[in-house]
N, C-alpha and C. Protein backbone atom coordinates (compact mmCIF):
# COMPACT_ATOMS: atom_id res chain seq x y z
N UNK A 1 6.80 -1.11 3.50
CA UNK A 1 6.70 -1.95 2.32
C UNK A 1 7.06 -3.31 2.60
N UNK A 2 6.88 -4.23 1.64
CA UNK A 2 7.15 -5.67 1.80
C UNK A 2 8.59 -5.96 1.51
N UNK A 3 9.32 -6.15 2.57
CA UNK A 3 10.80 -6.58 2.34
C UNK A 3 11.71 -5.49 1.96
N UNK A 4 11.32 -4.24 2.06
CA UNK A 4 12.31 -3.12 1.67
C UNK A 4 11.99 -2.00 2.53
N UNK A 5 12.68 -0.86 2.27
CA UNK A 5 12.51 0.32 3.17
C UNK A 5 11.50 1.29 2.58
N UNK A 6 10.71 0.93 1.57
CA UNK A 6 9.76 1.86 0.95
C UNK A 6 8.41 1.78 1.73
N UNK A 7 7.78 2.87 1.86
CA UNK A 7 6.44 2.88 2.50
C UNK A 7 5.42 3.27 1.47
N UNK A 8 4.30 2.64 1.49
CA UNK A 8 3.27 3.02 0.57
C UNK A 8 1.92 3.16 1.35
N UNK A 9 1.29 4.31 1.12
CA UNK A 9 0.01 4.58 1.74
C UNK A 9 -0.97 4.82 0.58
N UNK A 10 -2.09 4.06 0.60
CA UNK A 10 -3.14 4.27 -0.36
C UNK A 10 -4.40 4.68 0.37
N UNK A 11 -4.99 5.75 -0.03
CA UNK A 11 -6.18 6.30 0.66
C UNK A 11 -7.04 7.00 -0.35
N UNK A 12 -8.33 7.14 -0.02
CA UNK A 12 -9.26 7.97 -0.75
C UNK A 12 -9.66 9.11 0.08
N UNK A 13 -9.36 10.35 -0.36
CA UNK A 13 -9.63 11.56 0.44
C UNK A 13 -11.14 11.87 0.25
N UNK A 14 -11.89 12.26 1.28
CA UNK A 14 -13.24 12.37 1.28
C UNK A 14 -13.87 13.61 0.52
N UNK A 15 -13.09 14.60 0.26
CA UNK A 15 -13.59 15.81 -0.29
C UNK A 15 -12.52 16.59 -1.10
N UNK A 16 -13.01 17.50 -1.97
CA UNK A 16 -12.10 18.47 -2.64
C UNK A 16 -11.43 19.29 -1.55
N UNK A 17 -10.24 19.70 -1.82
CA UNK A 17 -9.54 20.59 -0.89
C UNK A 17 -8.09 20.57 -1.02
N UNK A 18 -7.42 21.19 -0.05
CA UNK A 18 -5.96 21.26 -0.07
C UNK A 18 -5.52 20.29 1.09
N UNK A 19 -4.60 19.40 0.79
CA UNK A 19 -4.05 18.47 1.76
C UNK A 19 -2.61 18.58 1.91
N UNK A 20 -2.09 18.41 3.13
CA UNK A 20 -0.68 18.51 3.38
C UNK A 20 -0.12 17.23 3.61
N UNK A 21 0.97 16.83 2.96
CA UNK A 21 1.63 15.56 3.07
C UNK A 21 3.00 15.88 3.59
N UNK A 22 3.40 15.20 4.65
CA UNK A 22 4.73 15.38 5.35
C UNK A 22 5.37 14.08 5.21
N UNK A 23 6.63 14.10 4.68
CA UNK A 23 7.49 12.88 4.60
C UNK A 23 8.76 13.08 5.36
N UNK A 24 9.18 12.07 6.09
CA UNK A 24 10.30 12.14 7.00
C UNK A 24 10.92 10.74 7.12
N UNK A 25 12.17 10.72 7.53
CA UNK A 25 12.84 9.46 7.82
C UNK A 25 12.44 8.90 9.15
N UNK A 26 12.68 7.64 9.34
CA UNK A 26 12.20 7.01 10.57
C UNK A 26 13.34 7.14 11.67
N UNK A 27 14.55 7.53 11.28
CA UNK A 27 15.61 7.71 12.28
C UNK A 27 16.24 9.10 12.04
N UNK A 28 16.61 9.67 13.14
CA UNK A 28 17.28 11.02 13.09
C UNK A 28 18.59 10.97 12.26
N UNK A 29 18.78 11.95 11.39
CA UNK A 29 20.01 11.98 10.59
C UNK A 29 19.98 11.24 9.36
N UNK A 30 19.00 10.41 9.13
CA UNK A 30 18.93 9.73 7.87
C UNK A 30 18.46 10.62 6.74
N UNK A 31 19.06 10.43 5.49
CA UNK A 31 18.74 11.21 4.43
C UNK A 31 18.35 10.27 3.28
N UNK A 32 17.83 10.91 2.23
CA UNK A 32 17.44 10.10 1.09
C UNK A 32 16.44 10.85 0.24
N UNK A 33 16.11 10.19 -0.86
CA UNK A 33 15.12 10.76 -1.77
C UNK A 33 13.69 10.34 -1.37
N UNK A 34 12.76 11.26 -1.67
CA UNK A 34 11.34 10.99 -1.51
C UNK A 34 10.65 11.09 -2.85
N UNK A 35 9.64 10.26 -3.00
CA UNK A 35 8.84 10.36 -4.22
C UNK A 35 7.35 10.30 -3.81
N UNK A 36 6.61 11.31 -4.22
CA UNK A 36 5.15 11.37 -3.89
C UNK A 36 4.34 11.39 -5.23
N UNK A 37 3.24 10.62 -5.12
CA UNK A 37 2.41 10.55 -6.31
C UNK A 37 0.96 10.66 -5.89
N UNK A 38 0.14 11.52 -6.58
CA UNK A 38 -1.19 11.71 -6.29
C UNK A 38 -2.01 11.53 -7.57
N UNK A 39 -3.08 10.80 -7.55
CA UNK A 39 -3.94 10.62 -8.68
C UNK A 39 -5.33 11.13 -8.47
N UNK A 40 -5.94 11.77 -9.46
CA UNK A 40 -7.31 12.24 -9.40
C UNK A 40 -8.15 11.25 -10.25
N UNK A 41 -9.23 10.81 -9.59
CA UNK A 41 -10.18 9.94 -10.29
C UNK A 41 -11.50 10.68 -10.50
N UNK A 42 -12.12 10.55 -11.69
CA UNK A 42 -13.34 11.25 -11.96
C UNK A 42 -14.44 10.83 -11.05
């Protein structure tokens, strides 16, 4: 992210289906909260 430790990924998935999202820290032993958001567009 811009000037902070947040990462943002914006993408359009090509088809209906089941997708797996894996979130992890960048350094071993780091902990914290994760927030995931998915939107469906018609």
